[in-house]
């Protein structure tokens, strides 16, 4: 049987999860990663995507728009800018996030344009990942 680790997800509004997990799939800024018991200590920034915590009682999935994840050998703590349980994500919410990213990209300085466009693309991918 796979080992377990503590998973905690916090957004500015509230704590969304505090569960025991066998693995946590994280949309890292440098690529997707999976944390399991015994993982090398890591801190990563998040990009918009789906965060999944696999536990004995099933998978809990959250749409995140950014933030940070701290991974240790015994746990994963995620501080998300915004995090919404996937089942609560609506088309209107996702469209609002896409529009917000587009507005910010339109105002970006030339040297920040690539990062801003990547954010728009990540939000569009989030729309696809949530089926909206």
N, C-alpha and C. Protein backbone atom coordinates (compact mmCIF):
# COMPACT_ATOMS: atom_id res chain seq x y z
N UNK A 1 0.85 -1.19 0.00
CA UNK A 1 0.00 0.00 0.00
C UNK A 1 0.88 1.25 0.00
N UNK A 2 0.46 2.24 -0.73
CA UNK A 2 1.20 3.49 -0.83
C UNK A 2 1.18 4.22 0.51
N UNK A 3 2.27 4.96 0.76
CA UNK A 3 2.33 5.77 1.96
C UNK A 3 1.39 6.96 1.84
N UNK A 4 1.25 7.67 2.93
CA UNK A 4 0.34 8.82 2.93
C UNK A 4 1.09 10.08 3.35
N UNK A 5 0.46 11.20 3.04
CA UNK A 5 0.98 12.49 3.46
C UNK A 5 -0.20 13.40 3.77
N UNK A 6 0.07 14.43 4.54
CA UNK A 6 -0.96 15.39 4.92
C UNK A 6 -1.09 16.42 3.80
N UNK A 7 -2.32 16.69 3.37
CA UNK A 7 -2.59 17.70 2.34
C UNK A 7 -3.45 18.79 2.93
N UNK A 8 -2.98 20.02 2.82
CA UNK A 8 -3.73 21.18 3.27
C UNK A 8 -3.80 22.20 2.14
N UNK A 9 -5.00 22.70 1.88
CA UNK A 9 -5.24 23.70 0.86
C UNK A 9 -5.93 24.89 1.50
N UNK A 10 -5.30 26.07 1.36
CA UNK A 10 -5.83 27.29 1.95
C UNK A 10 -5.88 28.36 0.88
N UNK A 11 -6.99 29.10 0.86
CA UNK A 11 -7.11 30.28 -0.01
C UNK A 11 -7.29 31.48 0.93
N UNK A 12 -7.23 32.69 0.41
CA UNK A 12 -7.42 33.85 1.29
C UNK A 12 -8.77 33.83 2.03
N UNK A 13 -9.77 33.20 1.42
CA UNK A 13 -11.10 33.20 2.03
C UNK A 13 -11.26 32.17 3.13
N UNK A 14 -10.61 30.98 2.96
CA UNK A 14 -10.86 29.89 3.91
C UNK A 14 -9.95 28.70 3.65
N UNK A 15 -9.98 27.77 4.60
CA UNK A 15 -9.31 26.49 4.42
C UNK A 15 -10.27 25.59 3.64
N UNK A 16 -9.79 25.06 2.52
CA UNK A 16 -10.63 24.25 1.66
C UNK A 16 -10.47 22.76 1.89
N UNK A 17 -9.30 22.35 2.35
CA UNK A 17 -9.07 20.92 2.56
C UNK A 17 -7.96 20.70 3.58
N UNK A 18 -8.12 19.66 4.35
CA UNK A 18 -7.09 19.18 5.26
C UNK A 18 -7.35 17.68 5.38
N UNK A 19 -6.68 16.91 4.52
CA UNK A 19 -6.96 15.48 4.43
C UNK A 19 -5.66 14.68 4.30
N UNK A 20 -5.78 13.38 4.53
CA UNK A 20 -4.68 12.47 4.29
C UNK A 20 -4.78 12.01 2.84
N UNK A 21 -3.66 12.08 2.12
CA UNK A 21 -3.65 11.73 0.70
C UNK A 21 -2.52 10.75 0.41
N UNK A 22 -2.70 9.99 -0.67
CA UNK A 22 -1.62 9.11 -1.13
C UNK A 22 -0.76 9.81 -2.16
N UNK A 23 -1.37 10.78 -2.88
CA UNK A 23 -0.62 11.60 -3.82
C UNK A 23 -1.39 12.88 -4.08
N UNK A 24 -0.64 13.93 -4.46
CA UNK A 24 -1.24 15.21 -4.79
C UNK A 24 -0.64 15.64 -6.13
N UNK A 25 -1.52 15.89 -7.09
CA UNK A 25 -1.10 16.36 -8.42
C UNK A 25 -1.22 17.88 -8.43
N UNK A 26 -0.11 18.52 -8.80
CA UNK A 26 0.02 19.97 -8.68
C UNK A 26 0.32 20.59 -10.04
N UNK A 27 -0.46 21.62 -10.43
CA UNK A 27 -0.13 22.35 -11.67
C UNK A 27 0.96 23.38 -11.39
N UNK A 28 2.21 22.95 -11.40
CA UNK A 28 3.33 23.83 -11.11
C UNK A 28 3.62 24.77 -12.26
N UNK A 29 4.19 25.90 -11.96
CA UNK A 29 4.51 26.89 -12.98
C UNK A 29 5.49 26.34 -14.01
N UNK A 30 6.35 25.42 -13.59
CA UNK A 30 7.33 24.82 -14.51
C UNK A 30 6.89 23.47 -15.04
N UNK A 31 5.64 23.10 -14.79
CA UNK A 31 5.11 21.83 -15.26
C UNK A 31 4.37 21.10 -14.16
N UNK A 32 3.55 20.16 -14.57
CA UNK A 32 2.77 19.39 -13.61
C UNK A 32 3.70 18.49 -12.81
N UNK A 33 3.35 18.27 -11.55
CA UNK A 33 4.14 17.38 -10.70
C UNK A 33 3.22 16.62 -9.77
N UNK A 34 3.69 15.47 -9.32
CA UNK A 34 2.95 14.65 -8.37
C UNK A 34 3.81 14.49 -7.12
N UNK A 35 3.24 14.83 -5.98
CA UNK A 35 3.93 14.68 -4.70
C UNK A 35 3.39 13.45 -3.99
N UNK A 36 4.30 12.65 -3.46
CA UNK A 36 3.95 11.46 -2.69
C UNK A 36 4.82 11.44 -1.44
N UNK A 37 4.49 10.53 -0.52
CA UNK A 37 5.28 10.40 0.70
C UNK A 37 6.76 10.22 0.34
N UNK A 38 7.61 10.94 1.06
CA UNK A 38 9.04 10.83 0.83
C UNK A 38 9.58 11.81 -0.22
N UNK A 39 8.72 12.68 -0.74
CA UNK A 39 9.13 13.65 -1.76
C UNK A 39 10.24 14.55 -1.22
N UNK A 40 11.15 14.93 -2.08
CA UNK A 40 12.20 15.87 -1.74
C UNK A 40 11.55 17.22 -1.41
N UNK A 41 11.99 17.90 -0.36
CA UNK A 41 11.41 19.21 -0.04
C UNK A 41 11.51 20.16 -1.23
N UNK A 42 10.37 20.75 -1.57
CA UNK A 42 10.27 21.62 -2.74
C UNK A 42 9.26 22.73 -2.47
N UNK A 43 9.54 23.89 -2.99
CA UNK A 43 8.55 24.97 -3.03
C UNK A 43 8.39 25.35 -4.49
N UNK A 44 7.15 25.43 -4.95
CA UNK A 44 6.89 25.77 -6.34
C UNK A 44 5.75 26.75 -6.42
N UNK A 45 5.76 27.57 -7.46
CA UNK A 45 4.61 28.43 -7.73
C UNK A 45 3.62 27.63 -8.56
N UNK A 46 2.37 28.01 -8.46
CA UNK A 46 1.30 27.34 -9.20
C UNK A 46 0.91 28.17 -10.40
N UNK A 47 0.49 27.49 -11.45
CA UNK A 47 -0.14 28.16 -12.59
C UNK A 47 -1.62 27.76 -12.53
N UNK A 48 -2.48 28.46 -13.24
CA UNK A 48 -3.89 28.05 -13.27
C UNK A 48 -4.02 26.61 -13.76
N UNK A 49 -4.83 25.84 -13.06
CA UNK A 49 -5.02 24.44 -13.43
C UNK A 49 -5.83 23.70 -12.38
N UNK A 50 -5.81 22.38 -12.49
CA UNK A 50 -6.56 21.53 -11.58
C UNK A 50 -5.59 20.86 -10.61
N UNK A 51 -5.83 21.04 -9.33
CA UNK A 51 -5.07 20.43 -8.25
C UNK A 51 -5.89 19.23 -7.77
N UNK A 52 -5.26 18.05 -7.68
CA UNK A 52 -5.98 16.84 -7.27
C UNK A 52 -5.28 16.18 -6.10
N UNK A 53 -6.07 15.85 -5.07
CA UNK A 53 -5.56 15.11 -3.92
C UNK A 53 -6.24 13.74 -3.93
N UNK A 54 -5.44 12.69 -4.08
CA UNK A 54 -5.95 11.32 -4.11
C UNK A 54 -5.85 10.75 -2.70
N UNK A 55 -6.98 10.30 -2.18
CA UNK A 55 -7.01 9.71 -0.84
C UNK A 55 -7.78 8.41 -0.85
N UNK A 56 -7.88 7.80 0.31
CA UNK A 56 -8.61 6.53 0.41
C UNK A 56 -10.10 6.71 0.15
N UNK A 57 -10.61 7.93 0.32
CA UNK A 57 -12.03 8.19 0.09
C UNK A 57 -12.29 8.81 -1.28
N UNK A 58 -11.33 8.73 -2.19
CA UNK A 58 -11.51 9.25 -3.54
C UNK A 58 -10.61 10.43 -3.84
N UNK A 59 -10.95 11.11 -4.92
CA UNK A 59 -10.14 12.25 -5.39
C UNK A 59 -10.90 13.54 -5.10
N UNK A 60 -10.19 14.50 -4.53
CA UNK A 60 -10.75 15.84 -4.35
C UNK A 60 -10.01 16.74 -5.32
N UNK A 61 -10.76 17.44 -6.18
CA UNK A 61 -10.17 18.27 -7.22
C UNK A 61 -10.60 19.72 -7.04
N UNK A 62 -9.64 20.62 -7.27
CA UNK A 62 -9.87 22.05 -7.10
C UNK A 62 -9.28 22.79 -8.30
N UNK A 63 -10.01 23.77 -8.81
CA UNK A 63 -9.47 24.68 -9.81
C UNK A 63 -8.72 25.76 -9.06
N UNK A 64 -7.45 25.98 -9.41
CA UNK A 64 -6.64 27.02 -8.77
C UNK A 64 -6.18 28.00 -9.84
N UNK A 65 -6.00 29.25 -9.42
CA UNK A 65 -5.57 30.27 -10.38
C UNK A 65 -4.11 30.67 -10.19
N UNK A 66 -3.49 30.20 -9.15
CA UNK A 66 -2.10 30.52 -8.86
C UNK A 66 -1.85 30.36 -7.38
N UNK A 67 -0.62 30.65 -6.97
CA UNK A 67 -0.26 30.54 -5.57
C UNK A 67 1.05 29.79 -5.42
N UNK A 68 1.21 29.12 -4.28
CA UNK A 68 2.44 28.41 -3.96
C UNK A 68 2.11 27.05 -3.35
N UNK A 69 3.00 26.09 -3.54
CA UNK A 69 2.89 24.79 -2.89
C UNK A 69 4.21 24.49 -2.21
N UNK A 70 4.12 24.07 -0.96
CA UNK A 70 5.30 23.60 -0.23
C UNK A 70 5.14 22.10 -0.05
N UNK A 71 6.12 21.37 -0.53
CA UNK A 71 6.09 19.91 -0.48
C UNK A 71 7.21 19.45 0.45
N UNK A 72 6.88 18.56 1.37
CA UNK A 72 7.88 17.93 2.23
C UNK A 72 7.71 16.42 2.11
N UNK A 73 8.51 15.68 2.82
CA UNK A 73 8.42 14.22 2.79
C UNK A 73 7.11 13.72 3.39
N UNK A 74 6.48 14.54 4.23
CA UNK A 74 5.27 14.10 4.93
C UNK A 74 4.02 14.91 4.62
N UNK A 75 4.14 15.93 3.77
CA UNK A 75 2.96 16.74 3.52
C UNK A 75 3.08 17.69 2.36
N UNK A 76 1.91 18.20 1.95
CA UNK A 76 1.81 19.22 0.91
C UNK A 76 0.90 20.32 1.45
N UNK A 77 1.41 21.54 1.45
CA UNK A 77 0.60 22.69 1.84
C UNK A 77 0.51 23.61 0.64
N UNK A 78 -0.71 23.94 0.24
CA UNK A 78 -0.93 24.82 -0.91
C UNK A 78 -1.60 26.10 -0.42
N UNK A 79 -0.98 27.23 -0.76
CA UNK A 79 -1.56 28.54 -0.51
C UNK A 79 -1.98 29.07 -1.87
N UNK A 80 -3.26 29.01 -2.15
CA UNK A 80 -3.78 29.35 -3.48
C UNK A 80 -4.32 30.77 -3.50
N UNK A 81 -4.06 31.48 -4.62
CA UNK A 81 -4.67 32.80 -4.82
C UNK A 81 -6.18 32.65 -4.79
N UNK A 82 -6.66 31.73 -5.59
CA UNK A 82 -8.08 31.35 -5.63
C UNK A 82 -8.13 29.85 -5.80
N UNK A 83 -9.04 29.21 -5.10
CA UNK A 83 -9.24 27.77 -5.23
C UNK A 83 -10.73 27.49 -5.08
N UNK A 84 -11.25 26.73 -6.03
CA UNK A 84 -12.68 26.42 -6.05
C UNK A 84 -12.83 24.92 -6.27
N UNK A 85 -13.62 24.23 -5.44
CA UNK A 85 -13.86 22.82 -5.74
C UNK A 85 -14.40 22.70 -7.17
N UNK A 86 -13.88 21.74 -7.92
CA UNK A 86 -14.25 21.61 -9.34
C UNK A 86 -15.76 21.54 -9.52
N UNK A 87 -16.45 20.86 -8.61
CA UNK A 87 -17.90 20.73 -8.75
C UNK A 87 -18.63 22.06 -8.59
N UNK A 88 -17.97 23.08 -8.03
CA UNK A 88 -18.58 24.40 -7.85
C UNK A 88 -18.21 25.39 -8.96
N UNK A 89 -17.37 24.97 -9.90
CA UNK A 89 -16.94 25.86 -10.97
C UNK A 89 -18.06 26.00 -12.00
N UNK A 90 -18.38 27.24 -12.34
CA UNK A 90 -19.41 27.51 -13.34
C UNK A 90 -18.79 28.13 -14.59
N UNK A 91 -19.53 28.09 -15.66
CA UNK A 91 -19.08 28.72 -16.91
C UNK A 91 -18.85 30.21 -16.70
N UNK A 92 -19.74 30.86 -15.97
CA UNK A 92 -19.61 32.30 -15.73
C UNK A 92 -18.34 32.61 -14.95
N UNK A 93 -18.01 31.79 -13.97
CA UNK A 93 -16.80 32.01 -13.19
C UNK A 93 -15.56 31.87 -14.07
N UNK A 94 -15.50 30.83 -14.87
CA UNK A 94 -14.34 30.61 -15.73
C UNK A 94 -14.22 31.73 -16.76
N UNK A 95 -15.33 32.14 -17.35
CA UNK A 95 -15.28 33.24 -18.32
C UNK A 95 -14.81 34.53 -17.67
N UNK A 96 -15.21 34.76 -16.42
CA UNK A 96 -14.73 35.93 -15.70
C UNK A 96 -13.23 35.89 -15.49
N UNK A 97 -12.69 34.72 -15.17
CA UNK A 97 -11.24 34.56 -15.00
C UNK A 97 -10.50 34.78 -16.31
N UNK A 98 -11.05 34.24 -17.40
CA UNK A 98 -10.43 34.42 -18.72
C UNK A 98 -10.44 35.90 -19.09
N UNK A 99 -11.56 36.56 -18.89
CA UNK A 99 -11.67 37.99 -19.24
C UNK A 99 -10.72 38.84 -18.39
N UNK A 100 -10.61 38.51 -17.10
CA UNK A 100 -9.70 39.24 -16.22
C UNK A 100 -8.25 39.08 -16.71
N UNK A 101 -7.88 37.86 -17.08
CA UNK A 101 -6.51 37.61 -17.58
C UNK A 101 -6.28 38.39 -18.88
N UNK A 102 -7.28 38.43 -19.76
CA UNK A 102 -7.13 39.18 -21.02
C UNK A 102 -6.97 40.67 -20.77
N UNK A 103 -7.72 41.21 -19.81
CA UNK A 103 -7.61 42.63 -19.48
C UNK A 103 -6.23 42.96 -18.94
N UNK A 104 -5.71 42.10 -18.07
CA UNK A 104 -4.37 42.32 -17.52
C UNK A 104 -3.32 42.21 -18.61
N UNK A 105 -3.49 41.27 -19.53
CA UNK A 105 -2.54 41.11 -20.63
C UNK A 105 -2.53 42.35 -21.53
N UNK A 106 -3.70 42.94 -21.74
CA UNK A 106 -3.79 44.13 -22.59
C UNK A 106 -3.07 45.32 -21.96
N UNK A 107 -2.97 45.35 -20.64
CA UNK A 107 -2.31 46.45 -19.94
C UNK A 107 -0.84 46.16 -19.63
N UNK A 108 -0.37 44.95 -19.93
CA UNK A 108 1.00 44.55 -19.56
C UNK A 108 2.04 45.38 -20.30
N UNK A 109 3.12 45.65 -19.61
CA UNK A 109 4.26 46.31 -20.23
C UNK A 109 4.87 45.36 -21.26
N UNK A 110 5.55 45.89 -22.26
CA UNK A 110 6.12 45.02 -23.30
C UNK A 110 6.98 43.89 -22.74
N UNK A 111 7.77 44.18 -21.71
CA UNK A 111 8.64 43.14 -21.15
C UNK A 111 7.87 42.08 -20.36
N UNK A 112 6.61 42.36 -20.02
CA UNK A 112 5.78 41.40 -19.29
C UNK A 112 4.75 40.71 -20.18
N UNK A 113 4.75 41.05 -21.46
CA UNK A 113 3.72 40.55 -22.38
C UNK A 113 3.69 39.03 -22.46
N UNK A 114 4.87 38.38 -22.53
CA UNK A 114 4.91 36.91 -22.65
C UNK A 114 4.27 36.24 -21.44
N UNK A 115 4.59 36.74 -20.26
CA UNK A 115 4.02 36.17 -19.03
C UNK A 115 2.51 36.38 -19.02
N UNK A 116 2.07 37.55 -19.41
CA UNK A 116 0.64 37.86 -19.42
C UNK A 116 -0.11 36.97 -20.42
N UNK A 117 0.47 36.76 -21.59
CA UNK A 117 -0.17 35.89 -22.59
C UNK A 117 -0.21 34.44 -22.11
N UNK A 118 0.83 34.01 -21.40
CA UNK A 118 0.85 32.66 -20.85
C UNK A 118 -0.30 32.49 -19.84
N UNK A 119 -0.57 33.54 -19.05
CA UNK A 119 -1.66 33.51 -18.08
C UNK A 119 -3.00 33.36 -18.79
N UNK A 120 -3.19 34.08 -19.88
CA UNK A 120 -4.42 33.95 -20.66
C UNK A 120 -4.56 32.51 -21.17
N UNK A 121 -3.48 31.96 -21.71
CA UNK A 121 -3.52 30.59 -22.22
C UNK A 121 -3.79 29.58 -21.10
N UNK A 122 -3.22 29.82 -19.91
CA UNK A 122 -3.49 28.93 -18.78
C UNK A 122 -4.96 29.00 -18.36
N UNK A 123 -5.54 30.20 -18.39
CA UNK A 123 -6.96 30.34 -18.04
C UNK A 123 -7.84 29.65 -19.09
N UNK A 124 -7.47 29.75 -20.36
CA UNK A 124 -8.22 29.04 -21.40
C UNK A 124 -8.11 27.53 -21.20
N UNK A 125 -6.94 27.06 -20.80
CA UNK A 125 -6.77 25.63 -20.52
C UNK A 125 -7.59 25.21 -19.31
N UNK A 126 -7.71 26.09 -18.32
CA UNK A 126 -8.53 25.80 -17.15
C UNK A 126 -9.99 25.65 -17.58
N UNK A 127 -10.42 26.49 -18.51
CA UNK A 127 -11.79 26.38 -19.03
C UNK A 127 -12.01 25.00 -19.64
N UNK A 128 -11.04 24.52 -20.42
CA UNK A 128 -11.15 23.20 -21.04
C UNK A 128 -11.12 22.10 -19.98
N UNK A 129 -10.23 22.25 -18.98
CA UNK A 129 -10.08 21.22 -17.94
C UNK A 129 -11.33 21.07 -17.09
N UNK A 130 -12.08 22.14 -16.93
CA UNK A 130 -13.28 22.08 -16.11
C UNK A 130 -14.54 21.82 -16.95
N UNK A 131 -14.36 21.76 -18.27
CA UNK A 131 -15.49 21.48 -19.14
C UNK A 131 -16.39 22.69 -19.37
N UNK A 132 -15.84 23.88 -19.19
CA UNK A 132 -16.64 25.11 -19.37
C UNK A 132 -16.05 25.90 -20.47
